[in-house]
Amino acid sequence: MTTGGGSFLEPAEVLAERAAEHARLLSQLGAPESCAQISAAAAAITESLRRGGTAYFCGNGGSSAEAQHLVAEFVGRYRADRRPLAAVALGSTQAVASALANDFGYAEAGIAREVDALAREGDVLVALSASGSSPNIVAALKMAGGKGVRTIALTGQGHQLADLVDSLIVVDSTVVALIQEMHAVLGHVICELVEDQMGFTT
């Protein structure tokens, strides 16, 4: 569309381009190596929940919102009518987050200190980070690993998490919006796998 000498994007063009990118990324995530990581992530969460553990989720910005979204799926429901599953979104309580940022520095302790306070051996920490290099996410994963907490990361290209996590799911992109969109899909896939593995039916 052109109006007043300016050229504007058409919704159909944007949607078509996004659909093509989604198809490419989903194809990459469907490869055997990625599927193995997704399966391992779901299995770790299922095992923890069956043993009375808790799944913790964390991220920054949009990834923090997605972490809270996934916690709602576990505590509420995804597809199956079933009992609530133990899940907590770290960094989502404003008073706690601001106190930690003020007293200890958010990069170093903002989420890691919550992991130290709450997580126990046998729990799971799922970190969502488009960059895979955020200092507070790296610190949280290191803290979790030191406590015997299983670690899972959903990230994008250029991450720095390979040596920090048990299961690493990488979206083949550096575009933050696309990575976050794929993380939402991956989160739902993991929810569906966990419900299935725990014997819940839709």
N, C-alpha and C. Protein backbone atom coordinates (compact mmCIF):
# COMPACT_ATOMS: atom_id res chain seq x y z
N MET A 1 0.85 -1.20 0.00
CA MET A 1 0.00 0.00 0.00
C MET A 1 0.88 1.24 0.00
N THR A 2 0.51 2.23 -0.78
CA THR A 2 1.22 3.50 -0.82
C THR A 2 0.24 4.62 -0.54
N THR A 3 0.54 5.45 0.47
CA THR A 3 -0.34 6.55 0.86
C THR A 3 0.50 7.80 1.09
N GLY A 4 0.12 8.88 0.41
CA GLY A 4 0.83 10.14 0.63
C GLY A 4 2.31 10.06 0.34
N GLY A 5 2.68 9.25 -0.65
CA GLY A 5 4.08 9.15 -1.02
C GLY A 5 4.86 8.15 -0.19
N GLY A 6 4.21 7.55 0.82
CA GLY A 6 4.91 6.58 1.66
C GLY A 6 4.48 5.17 1.34
N SER A 7 5.33 4.21 1.62
CA SER A 7 5.02 2.81 1.37
C SER A 7 4.89 2.09 2.70
N PHE A 8 3.83 1.33 2.86
CA PHE A 8 3.56 0.65 4.12
C PHE A 8 3.43 -0.86 3.90
N LEU A 9 3.78 -1.59 4.91
CA LEU A 9 3.65 -3.05 4.84
C LEU A 9 2.20 -3.47 4.79
N GLU A 10 1.92 -4.47 4.00
CA GLU A 10 0.60 -5.09 3.98
C GLU A 10 0.58 -6.26 4.96
N PRO A 11 -0.49 -6.40 5.75
CA PRO A 11 -0.56 -7.53 6.69
C PRO A 11 -0.33 -8.87 6.01
N ALA A 12 -0.89 -9.07 4.82
CA ALA A 12 -0.74 -10.35 4.12
C ALA A 12 0.73 -10.64 3.83
N GLU A 13 1.49 -9.60 3.48
CA GLU A 13 2.91 -9.78 3.20
C GLU A 13 3.67 -10.18 4.45
N VAL A 14 3.36 -9.50 5.55
CA VAL A 14 4.04 -9.80 6.83
C VAL A 14 3.70 -11.22 7.28
N LEU A 15 2.43 -11.59 7.17
CA LEU A 15 2.00 -12.92 7.59
C LEU A 15 2.64 -14.01 6.73
N ALA A 16 2.72 -13.77 5.43
CA ALA A 16 3.33 -14.76 4.54
C ALA A 16 4.81 -14.94 4.85
N GLU A 17 5.50 -13.85 5.09
CA GLU A 17 6.92 -13.93 5.44
C GLU A 17 7.11 -14.65 6.77
N ARG A 18 6.25 -14.32 7.75
CA ARG A 18 6.36 -14.95 9.06
C ARG A 18 6.05 -16.45 8.97
N ALA A 19 5.06 -16.81 8.16
CA ALA A 19 4.71 -18.22 7.99
C ALA A 19 5.88 -18.99 7.40
N ALA A 20 6.58 -18.39 6.44
CA ALA A 20 7.73 -19.05 5.83
C ALA A 20 8.84 -19.25 6.85
N GLU A 21 9.09 -18.24 7.66
CA GLU A 21 10.12 -18.35 8.70
C GLU A 21 9.74 -19.40 9.74
N HIS A 22 8.48 -19.41 10.13
CA HIS A 22 8.02 -20.40 11.10
C HIS A 22 8.19 -21.81 10.54
N ALA A 23 7.85 -21.99 9.27
CA ALA A 23 7.98 -23.31 8.66
C ALA A 23 9.43 -23.77 8.66
N ARG A 24 10.34 -22.86 8.34
CA ARG A 24 11.76 -23.21 8.34
C ARG A 24 12.25 -23.59 9.73
N LEU A 25 11.87 -22.79 10.71
CA LEU A 25 12.34 -23.02 12.07
C LEU A 25 11.73 -24.28 12.66
N LEU A 26 10.46 -24.52 12.39
CA LEU A 26 9.81 -25.74 12.88
C LEU A 26 10.42 -26.98 12.24
N SER A 27 10.81 -26.86 10.98
CA SER A 27 11.48 -27.98 10.31
C SER A 27 12.81 -28.28 10.99
N GLN A 28 13.53 -27.24 11.34
CA GLN A 28 14.81 -27.42 12.03
C GLN A 28 14.60 -28.04 13.40
N LEU A 29 13.58 -27.59 14.10
CA LEU A 29 13.30 -28.14 15.44
C LEU A 29 12.79 -29.58 15.37
N GLY A 30 12.28 -29.97 14.20
CA GLY A 30 11.83 -31.33 14.02
C GLY A 30 12.93 -32.31 13.66
N ALA A 31 14.15 -31.82 13.51
CA ALA A 31 15.28 -32.70 13.21
C ALA A 31 15.56 -33.60 14.41
N PRO A 32 16.15 -34.77 14.17
CA PRO A 32 16.36 -35.74 15.27
C PRO A 32 17.11 -35.18 16.48
N GLU A 33 18.15 -34.39 16.26
CA GLU A 33 18.92 -33.87 17.39
C GLU A 33 18.07 -32.96 18.26
N SER A 34 17.32 -32.05 17.62
CA SER A 34 16.46 -31.14 18.39
C SER A 34 15.35 -31.90 19.09
N CYS A 35 14.75 -32.86 18.39
CA CYS A 35 13.67 -33.65 19.00
C CYS A 35 14.18 -34.43 20.21
N ALA A 36 15.41 -34.89 20.15
CA ALA A 36 15.99 -35.61 21.29
C ALA A 36 16.10 -34.70 22.50
N GLN A 37 16.47 -33.44 22.27
CA GLN A 37 16.58 -32.48 23.37
C GLN A 37 15.20 -32.13 23.93
N ILE A 38 14.22 -31.99 23.05
CA ILE A 38 12.85 -31.70 23.50
C ILE A 38 12.31 -32.86 24.33
N SER A 39 12.53 -34.08 23.85
CA SER A 39 12.08 -35.27 24.58
C SER A 39 12.74 -35.35 25.95
N ALA A 40 14.04 -35.08 25.99
CA ALA A 40 14.77 -35.13 27.26
C ALA A 40 14.25 -34.08 28.23
N ALA A 41 13.92 -32.90 27.72
CA ALA A 41 13.39 -31.84 28.57
C ALA A 41 12.05 -32.25 29.17
N ALA A 42 11.16 -32.76 28.34
CA ALA A 42 9.85 -33.19 28.83
C ALA A 42 9.98 -34.33 29.82
N ALA A 43 10.89 -35.27 29.55
CA ALA A 43 11.08 -36.41 30.45
C ALA A 43 11.61 -35.95 31.81
N ALA A 44 12.52 -34.98 31.80
CA ALA A 44 13.08 -34.47 33.07
C ALA A 44 12.00 -33.79 33.91
N ILE A 45 11.14 -33.01 33.26
CA ILE A 45 10.05 -32.35 33.98
C ILE A 45 9.08 -33.38 34.52
N THR A 46 8.73 -34.36 33.70
CA THR A 46 7.80 -35.41 34.12
C THR A 46 8.34 -36.18 35.32
N GLU A 47 9.60 -36.57 35.25
CA GLU A 47 10.21 -37.33 36.36
C GLU A 47 10.20 -36.52 37.64
N SER A 48 10.55 -35.23 37.53
CA SER A 48 10.56 -34.38 38.71
C SER A 48 9.17 -34.25 39.33
N LEU A 49 8.18 -33.99 38.49
CA LEU A 49 6.81 -33.83 38.99
C LEU A 49 6.29 -35.11 39.63
N ARG A 50 6.60 -36.25 39.03
CA ARG A 50 6.16 -37.53 39.59
C ARG A 50 6.76 -37.77 40.97
N ARG A 51 7.94 -37.25 41.21
CA ARG A 51 8.63 -37.47 42.48
C ARG A 51 8.36 -36.36 43.49
N GLY A 52 7.41 -35.49 43.17
CA GLY A 52 7.06 -34.41 44.09
C GLY A 52 7.90 -33.16 43.93
N GLY A 53 8.64 -33.07 42.82
CA GLY A 53 9.47 -31.90 42.59
C GLY A 53 8.69 -30.75 41.97
N THR A 54 9.41 -29.69 41.69
CA THR A 54 8.82 -28.47 41.12
C THR A 54 9.57 -28.08 39.87
N ALA A 55 8.84 -27.61 38.87
CA ALA A 55 9.44 -27.06 37.66
C ALA A 55 9.49 -25.54 37.80
N TYR A 56 10.67 -24.99 37.77
CA TYR A 56 10.86 -23.54 37.84
C TYR A 56 11.15 -23.00 36.43
N PHE A 57 10.60 -21.84 36.13
CA PHE A 57 10.78 -21.22 34.83
C PHE A 57 11.30 -19.80 35.03
N CYS A 58 12.15 -19.34 34.10
CA CYS A 58 12.65 -17.96 34.22
C CYS A 58 13.04 -17.42 32.85
N GLY A 59 13.12 -16.09 32.78
CA GLY A 59 13.52 -15.40 31.57
C GLY A 59 13.53 -13.90 31.83
N ASN A 60 13.88 -13.13 30.84
CA ASN A 60 13.88 -11.67 30.93
C ASN A 60 12.90 -11.09 29.91
N GLY A 61 12.24 -10.02 30.27
CA GLY A 61 11.36 -9.34 29.32
C GLY A 61 10.27 -10.24 28.79
N GLY A 62 10.18 -10.35 27.46
CA GLY A 62 9.19 -11.22 26.85
C GLY A 62 9.35 -12.66 27.26
N SER A 63 10.59 -13.08 27.49
CA SER A 63 10.84 -14.45 27.93
C SER A 63 10.34 -14.68 29.35
N SER A 64 10.38 -13.65 30.18
CA SER A 64 9.81 -13.75 31.52
C SER A 64 8.30 -13.92 31.43
N ALA A 65 7.68 -13.15 30.53
CA ALA A 65 6.24 -13.29 30.33
C ALA A 65 5.89 -14.69 29.83
N GLU A 66 6.71 -15.23 28.94
CA GLU A 66 6.48 -16.58 28.44
C GLU A 66 6.68 -17.62 29.54
N ALA A 67 7.65 -17.39 30.42
CA ALA A 67 7.84 -18.29 31.56
C ALA A 67 6.59 -18.32 32.43
N GLN A 68 6.00 -17.15 32.68
CA GLN A 68 4.78 -17.09 33.48
C GLN A 68 3.62 -17.77 32.75
N HIS A 69 3.56 -17.60 31.44
CA HIS A 69 2.54 -18.25 30.62
C HIS A 69 2.62 -19.77 30.78
N LEU A 70 3.83 -20.32 30.70
CA LEU A 70 3.99 -21.76 30.81
C LEU A 70 3.66 -22.27 32.21
N VAL A 71 3.99 -21.49 33.21
CA VAL A 71 3.62 -21.87 34.58
C VAL A 71 2.10 -21.94 34.70
N ALA A 72 1.40 -21.00 34.07
CA ALA A 72 -0.07 -21.04 34.09
C ALA A 72 -0.59 -22.32 33.45
N GLU A 73 0.08 -22.80 32.39
CA GLU A 73 -0.34 -24.04 31.75
C GLU A 73 -0.16 -25.23 32.68
N PHE A 74 0.92 -25.23 33.46
CA PHE A 74 1.18 -26.35 34.37
C PHE A 74 0.27 -26.30 35.60
N VAL A 75 0.17 -25.16 36.21
CA VAL A 75 -0.65 -25.04 37.43
C VAL A 75 -2.14 -25.11 37.08
N GLY A 76 -2.50 -24.52 35.97
CA GLY A 76 -3.88 -24.61 35.50
C GLY A 76 -4.06 -25.87 34.70
N ARG A 77 -4.05 -25.72 33.39
CA ARG A 77 -4.08 -26.89 32.51
C ARG A 77 -3.62 -26.45 31.13
N TYR A 78 -3.11 -27.41 30.39
CA TYR A 78 -2.79 -27.16 28.99
C TYR A 78 -3.96 -27.66 28.15
N ARG A 79 -4.07 -28.97 27.98
CA ARG A 79 -5.21 -29.54 27.27
C ARG A 79 -6.06 -30.44 28.16
N ALA A 80 -5.40 -31.20 28.99
CA ALA A 80 -6.12 -32.20 29.78
C ALA A 80 -6.74 -31.59 31.04
N ASP A 81 -7.90 -32.09 31.41
CA ASP A 81 -8.48 -31.76 32.72
C ASP A 81 -7.80 -32.66 33.74
N ARG A 82 -6.94 -32.09 34.54
CA ARG A 82 -6.14 -32.89 35.46
C ARG A 82 -5.76 -32.04 36.67
N ARG A 83 -5.09 -32.68 37.60
CA ARG A 83 -4.67 -31.98 38.82
C ARG A 83 -3.62 -30.93 38.46
N PRO A 84 -3.46 -29.91 39.30
CA PRO A 84 -2.43 -28.91 39.05
C PRO A 84 -1.04 -29.52 39.21
N LEU A 85 -0.09 -29.02 38.43
CA LEU A 85 1.28 -29.48 38.48
C LEU A 85 2.16 -28.36 39.06
N ALA A 86 3.11 -28.74 39.90
CA ALA A 86 3.91 -27.76 40.63
C ALA A 86 4.87 -27.02 39.70
N ALA A 87 4.63 -25.73 39.53
CA ALA A 87 5.48 -24.89 38.68
C ALA A 87 5.50 -23.47 39.24
N VAL A 88 6.65 -22.81 39.12
CA VAL A 88 6.84 -21.47 39.67
C VAL A 88 7.63 -20.63 38.67
N ALA A 89 7.20 -19.39 38.46
CA ALA A 89 7.92 -18.45 37.61
C ALA A 89 8.82 -17.58 38.48
N LEU A 90 10.11 -17.72 38.31
CA LEU A 90 11.07 -16.93 39.09
C LEU A 90 11.19 -15.53 38.50
N GLY A 91 11.47 -14.57 39.37
CA GLY A 91 11.64 -13.20 38.91
C GLY A 91 10.34 -12.47 38.64
N SER A 92 9.21 -13.08 38.99
CA SER A 92 7.92 -12.50 38.65
C SER A 92 7.26 -11.74 39.79
N THR A 93 7.85 -11.80 40.98
CA THR A 93 7.31 -11.06 42.12
C THR A 93 8.05 -9.74 42.23
N GLN A 94 7.36 -8.63 42.02
CA GLN A 94 8.02 -7.34 41.91
C GLN A 94 8.81 -6.98 43.17
N ALA A 95 8.25 -7.22 44.33
CA ALA A 95 8.93 -6.84 45.56
C ALA A 95 10.24 -7.62 45.72
N VAL A 96 10.18 -8.93 45.43
CA VAL A 96 11.39 -9.75 45.54
C VAL A 96 12.42 -9.32 44.51
N ALA A 97 11.98 -9.16 43.26
CA ALA A 97 12.90 -8.80 42.19
C ALA A 97 13.58 -7.45 42.46
N SER A 98 12.81 -6.48 42.93
CA SER A 98 13.39 -5.15 43.18
C SER A 98 14.32 -5.18 44.39
N ALA A 99 13.98 -5.96 45.40
CA ALA A 99 14.85 -6.07 46.56
C ALA A 99 16.19 -6.70 46.18
N LEU A 100 16.14 -7.77 45.41
CA LEU A 100 17.38 -8.44 44.99
C LEU A 100 18.21 -7.54 44.10
N ALA A 101 17.55 -6.83 43.18
CA ALA A 101 18.28 -5.92 42.30
C ALA A 101 18.95 -4.80 43.11
N ASN A 102 18.25 -4.28 44.10
CA ASN A 102 18.77 -3.19 44.91
C ASN A 102 19.89 -3.64 45.84
N ASP A 103 19.71 -4.82 46.45
CA ASP A 103 20.65 -5.25 47.49
C ASP A 103 21.85 -6.05 46.97
N PHE A 104 21.65 -6.76 45.86
CA PHE A 104 22.70 -7.67 45.41
C PHE A 104 23.13 -7.45 43.96
N GLY A 105 22.33 -6.72 43.17
CA GLY A 105 22.61 -6.58 41.75
C GLY A 105 21.88 -7.66 40.98
N TYR A 106 20.99 -7.25 40.09
CA TYR A 106 20.12 -8.22 39.44
C TYR A 106 20.88 -9.17 38.52
N ALA A 107 21.92 -8.68 37.87
CA ALA A 107 22.66 -9.53 36.94
C ALA A 107 23.25 -10.74 37.64
N GLU A 108 23.79 -10.52 38.83
CA GLU A 108 24.47 -11.59 39.54
C GLU A 108 23.53 -12.44 40.39
N ALA A 109 22.52 -11.82 40.99
CA ALA A 109 21.74 -12.53 42.01
C ALA A 109 20.24 -12.49 41.80
N GLY A 110 19.75 -11.76 40.80
CA GLY A 110 18.32 -11.55 40.67
C GLY A 110 17.50 -12.81 40.61
N ILE A 111 17.92 -13.79 39.81
CA ILE A 111 17.20 -15.05 39.74
C ILE A 111 17.95 -16.15 40.47
N ALA A 112 19.27 -16.09 40.43
CA ALA A 112 20.07 -17.13 41.09
C ALA A 112 19.75 -17.24 42.57
N ARG A 113 19.50 -16.12 43.21
CA ARG A 113 19.21 -16.16 44.65
C ARG A 113 17.85 -16.82 44.91
N GLU A 114 16.89 -16.61 44.02
CA GLU A 114 15.61 -17.30 44.15
C GLU A 114 15.81 -18.81 43.95
N VAL A 115 16.64 -19.19 43.00
CA VAL A 115 16.95 -20.61 42.80
C VAL A 115 17.56 -21.19 44.07
N ASP A 116 18.48 -20.46 44.66
CA ASP A 116 19.14 -20.93 45.88
C ASP A 116 18.14 -21.09 47.02
N ALA A 117 17.18 -20.18 47.10
CA ALA A 117 16.21 -20.20 48.19
C ALA A 117 15.16 -21.29 48.03
N LEU A 118 14.76 -21.55 46.79
CA LEU A 118 13.57 -22.37 46.56
C LEU A 118 13.85 -23.75 45.99
N ALA A 119 14.77 -23.84 45.06
CA ALA A 119 14.96 -25.09 44.32
C ALA A 119 15.73 -26.11 45.14
N ARG A 120 15.35 -27.36 44.96
CA ARG A 120 15.99 -28.48 45.66
C ARG A 120 16.41 -29.53 44.64
N GLU A 121 17.33 -30.39 45.07
CA GLU A 121 17.77 -31.48 44.22
C GLU A 121 16.54 -32.28 43.74
N GLY A 122 16.51 -32.55 42.46
CA GLY A 122 15.36 -33.25 41.89
C GLY A 122 14.36 -32.33 41.22
N ASP A 123 14.48 -31.02 41.48
CA ASP A 123 13.65 -30.05 40.77
C ASP A 123 14.22 -29.80 39.38
N VAL A 124 13.52 -28.98 38.60
CA VAL A 124 13.96 -28.64 37.25
C VAL A 124 13.89 -27.13 37.07
N LEU A 125 14.90 -26.57 36.40
CA LEU A 125 14.87 -25.16 36.03
C LEU A 125 14.85 -25.06 34.51
N VAL A 126 13.83 -24.36 33.99
CA VAL A 126 13.71 -24.12 32.56
C VAL A 126 13.97 -22.64 32.31
N ALA A 127 15.04 -22.34 31.59
CA ALA A 127 15.41 -20.96 31.30
C ALA A 127 15.09 -20.64 29.85
N LEU A 128 14.40 -19.53 29.63
CA LEU A 128 14.11 -19.06 28.28
C LEU A 128 14.93 -17.80 28.04
N SER A 129 15.78 -17.83 27.03
CA SER A 129 16.63 -16.68 26.75
C SER A 129 16.94 -16.62 25.26
N ALA A 130 16.44 -15.60 24.59
CA ALA A 130 16.67 -15.48 23.14
C ALA A 130 18.16 -15.36 22.84
N SER A 131 18.89 -14.61 23.66
CA SER A 131 20.32 -14.41 23.42
C SER A 131 21.16 -15.55 23.97
N GLY A 132 20.70 -16.13 25.07
CA GLY A 132 21.49 -17.17 25.72
C GLY A 132 22.76 -16.66 26.34
N SER A 133 22.79 -15.36 26.63
CA SER A 133 24.00 -14.78 27.23
C SER A 133 23.69 -13.81 28.37
N SER A 134 22.44 -13.72 28.78
CA SER A 134 22.07 -12.79 29.85
C SER A 134 22.73 -13.22 31.16
N PRO A 135 23.45 -12.32 31.81
CA PRO A 135 24.19 -12.70 33.02
C PRO A 135 23.31 -13.31 34.11
N ASN A 136 22.10 -12.79 34.30
CA ASN A 136 21.26 -13.33 35.37
C ASN A 136 20.77 -14.74 35.05
N ILE A 137 20.58 -15.05 33.77
CA ILE A 137 20.16 -16.39 33.38
C ILE A 137 21.33 -17.36 33.53
N VAL A 138 22.50 -16.94 33.10
CA VAL A 138 23.70 -17.76 33.26
C VAL A 138 23.95 -18.06 34.74
N ALA A 139 23.82 -17.03 35.59
CA ALA A 139 24.03 -17.21 37.03
C ALA A 139 23.01 -18.16 37.63
N ALA A 140 21.76 -18.05 37.18
CA ALA A 140 20.70 -18.93 37.69
C ALA A 140 20.97 -20.38 37.31
N LEU A 141 21.40 -20.62 36.08
CA LEU A 141 21.68 -21.98 35.64
C LEU A 141 22.88 -22.57 36.38
N LYS A 142 23.88 -21.75 36.62
CA LYS A 142 25.03 -22.22 37.39
C LYS A 142 24.62 -22.58 38.82
N MET A 143 23.79 -21.76 39.42
CA MET A 143 23.31 -22.04 40.77
C MET A 143 22.52 -23.34 40.79
N ALA A 144 21.64 -23.51 39.81
CA ALA A 144 20.82 -24.71 39.74
C ALA A 144 21.68 -25.96 39.59
N GLY A 145 22.65 -25.90 38.69
CA GLY A 145 23.51 -27.06 38.49
C GLY A 145 24.27 -27.45 39.74
N GLY A 146 24.66 -26.45 40.52
CA GLY A 146 25.39 -26.72 41.75
C GLY A 146 24.52 -27.31 42.85
N LYS A 147 23.21 -27.23 42.68
CA LYS A 147 22.29 -27.75 43.69
C LYS A 147 21.66 -29.09 43.27
N GLY A 148 22.10 -29.65 42.16
CA GLY A 148 21.52 -30.90 41.70
C GLY A 148 20.17 -30.73 41.05
N VAL A 149 19.90 -29.54 40.56
CA VAL A 149 18.65 -29.25 39.85
C VAL A 149 18.88 -29.49 38.36
N ARG A 150 18.00 -30.25 37.72
CA ARG A 150 18.12 -30.46 36.28
C ARG A 150 17.87 -29.15 35.56
N THR A 151 18.62 -28.90 34.49
CA THR A 151 18.52 -27.62 33.80
C THR A 151 18.17 -27.80 32.33
N ILE A 152 17.29 -26.93 31.86
CA ILE A 152 16.82 -26.93 30.48
C ILE A 152 16.88 -25.49 29.99
N ALA A 153 17.34 -25.29 28.77
CA ALA A 153 17.36 -23.94 28.20
C ALA A 153 16.76 -23.93 26.82
N LEU A 154 15.92 -22.93 26.56
CA LEU A 154 15.39 -22.64 25.24
C LEU A 154 16.05 -21.34 24.81
N THR A 155 16.76 -21.35 23.69
CA THR A 155 17.54 -20.19 23.31
C THR A 155 17.60 -20.05 21.80
N GLY A 156 18.52 -19.17 21.32
CA GLY A 156 18.70 -18.96 19.89
C GLY A 156 20.17 -19.08 19.52
N GLN A 157 20.49 -18.72 18.29
CA GLN A 157 21.88 -18.77 17.84
C GLN A 157 22.75 -17.83 18.68
N GLY A 158 24.02 -18.18 18.82
CA GLY A 158 24.96 -17.33 19.53
C GLY A 158 24.91 -17.45 21.03
N HIS A 159 24.20 -18.45 21.53
CA HIS A 159 24.06 -18.63 22.98
C HIS A 159 25.39 -19.03 23.62
N GLN A 160 25.42 -18.91 24.95
CA GLN A 160 26.59 -19.31 25.74
C GLN A 160 26.19 -20.31 26.81
N LEU A 161 25.29 -21.22 26.48
CA LEU A 161 24.71 -22.09 27.49
C LEU A 161 25.06 -23.56 27.32
N ALA A 162 25.83 -23.91 26.30
CA ALA A 162 26.06 -25.32 25.99
C ALA A 162 26.62 -26.11 27.15
N ASP A 163 27.49 -25.51 27.93
CA ASP A 163 28.14 -26.23 29.03
C ASP A 163 27.40 -26.09 30.36
N LEU A 164 26.24 -25.44 30.34
CA LEU A 164 25.55 -25.14 31.60
C LEU A 164 24.27 -25.92 31.80
N VAL A 165 23.79 -26.61 30.77
CA VAL A 165 22.46 -27.21 30.86
C VAL A 165 22.47 -28.68 30.49
N ASP A 166 21.48 -29.39 31.00
CA ASP A 166 21.32 -30.81 30.66
C ASP A 166 20.63 -30.98 29.32
N SER A 167 19.67 -30.12 29.02
CA SER A 167 18.95 -30.17 27.75
C SER A 167 18.94 -28.79 27.13
N LEU A 168 19.41 -28.69 25.89
CA LEU A 168 19.54 -27.40 25.21
C LEU A 168 18.75 -27.44 23.90
N ILE A 169 17.76 -26.56 23.79
CA ILE A 169 16.91 -26.49 22.60
C ILE A 169 17.17 -25.16 21.93
N VAL A 170 17.73 -25.21 20.72
CA VAL A 170 18.19 -24.00 20.04
C VAL A 170 17.32 -23.70 18.82
N VAL A 171 16.81 -22.49 18.77
CA VAL A 171 16.07 -22.01 17.60
C VAL A 171 17.09 -21.40 16.64
N ASP A 172 17.05 -21.82 15.39
CA ASP A 172 18.05 -21.44 14.39
C ASP A 172 17.80 -20.04 13.85
N SER A 173 17.94 -19.05 14.74
CA SER A 173 17.70 -17.66 14.34
C SER A 173 18.39 -16.72 15.32
N THR A 174 18.66 -15.51 14.86
CA THR A 174 19.16 -14.46 15.76
C THR A 174 18.11 -13.36 15.93
N VAL A 175 16.95 -13.55 15.31
CA VAL A 175 15.87 -12.55 15.40
C VAL A 175 15.07 -12.82 16.67
N VAL A 176 15.12 -11.89 17.61
CA VAL A 176 14.51 -12.12 18.92
C VAL A 176 13.03 -12.46 18.81
N ALA A 177 12.29 -11.73 17.99
CA ALA A 177 10.85 -11.98 17.87
C ALA A 177 10.58 -13.41 17.41
N LEU A 178 11.32 -13.87 16.41
CA LEU A 178 11.12 -15.23 15.91
C LEU A 178 11.50 -16.28 16.95
N ILE A 179 12.59 -16.03 17.65
CA ILE A 179 13.02 -16.96 18.69
C ILE A 179 11.94 -17.08 19.77
N GLN A 180 11.41 -15.94 20.19
CA GLN A 180 10.38 -15.95 21.23
C GLN A 180 9.11 -16.64 20.74
N GLU A 181 8.77 -16.44 19.49
CA GLU A 181 7.58 -17.11 18.94
C GLU A 181 7.78 -18.62 18.93
N MET A 182 8.97 -19.07 18.58
CA MET A 182 9.26 -20.50 18.60
C MET A 182 9.30 -21.05 20.02
N HIS A 183 9.77 -20.23 20.96
CA HIS A 183 9.78 -20.67 22.35
C HIS A 183 8.36 -20.90 22.86
N ALA A 184 7.42 -20.08 22.40
CA ALA A 184 6.02 -20.29 22.79
C ALA A 184 5.52 -21.63 22.26
N VAL A 185 5.86 -21.94 21.00
CA VAL A 185 5.47 -23.23 20.43
C VAL A 185 6.14 -24.38 21.18
N LEU A 186 7.43 -24.25 21.42
CA LEU A 186 8.17 -25.29 22.14
C LEU A 186 7.60 -25.51 23.53
N GLY A 187 7.24 -24.42 24.20
CA GLY A 187 6.66 -24.55 25.53
C GLY A 187 5.38 -25.36 25.50
N HIS A 188 4.55 -25.12 24.51
CA HIS A 188 3.30 -25.88 24.39
C HIS A 188 3.57 -27.33 24.04
N VAL A 189 4.55 -27.57 23.19
CA VAL A 189 4.91 -28.95 22.86
C VAL A 189 5.36 -29.69 24.12
N ILE A 190 6.18 -29.05 24.93
CA ILE A 190 6.66 -29.68 26.16
C ILE A 190 5.49 -29.93 27.11
N CYS A 191 4.57 -28.96 27.22
CA CYS A 191 3.39 -29.17 28.05
C CYS A 191 2.61 -30.40 27.60
N GLU A 192 2.43 -30.53 26.30
CA GLU A 192 1.66 -31.65 25.76
C GLU A 192 2.36 -32.98 26.04
N LEU A 193 3.68 -33.00 25.88
CA LEU A 193 4.45 -34.22 26.14
C LEU A 193 4.38 -34.60 27.61
N VAL A 194 4.48 -33.62 28.49
CA VAL A 194 4.43 -33.91 29.93
C VAL A 194 3.06 -34.46 30.31
N GLU A 195 2.00 -33.83 29.83
CA GLU A 195 0.66 -34.34 30.14
C GLU A 195 0.50 -35.78 29.65
N ASP A 196 1.01 -36.05 28.46
CA ASP A 196 0.91 -37.41 27.91
C ASP A 196 1.72 -38.40 28.74
N GLN A 197 2.94 -38.02 29.11
CA GLN A 197 3.80 -38.94 29.87
C GLN A 197 3.28 -39.19 31.28
N MET A 198 2.53 -38.24 31.80
CA MET A 198 1.97 -38.42 33.14
C MET A 198 0.62 -39.12 33.10
N GLY A 199 0.16 -39.49 31.90
CA GLY A 199 -1.06 -40.27 31.78
C GLY A 199 -2.33 -39.46 31.78
N PHE A 200 -2.22 -38.15 31.58
CA PHE A 200 -3.41 -37.32 31.50
C PHE A 200 -3.93 -37.34 30.06
N THR A 201 -5.22 -37.44 29.91
CA THR A 201 -5.82 -37.46 28.58
C THR A 201 -6.70 -36.25 28.39
N THR A 202 -6.81 -35.83 27.12
CA THR A 202 -7.61 -34.63 26.82
C THR A 202 -9.09 -34.97 26.82
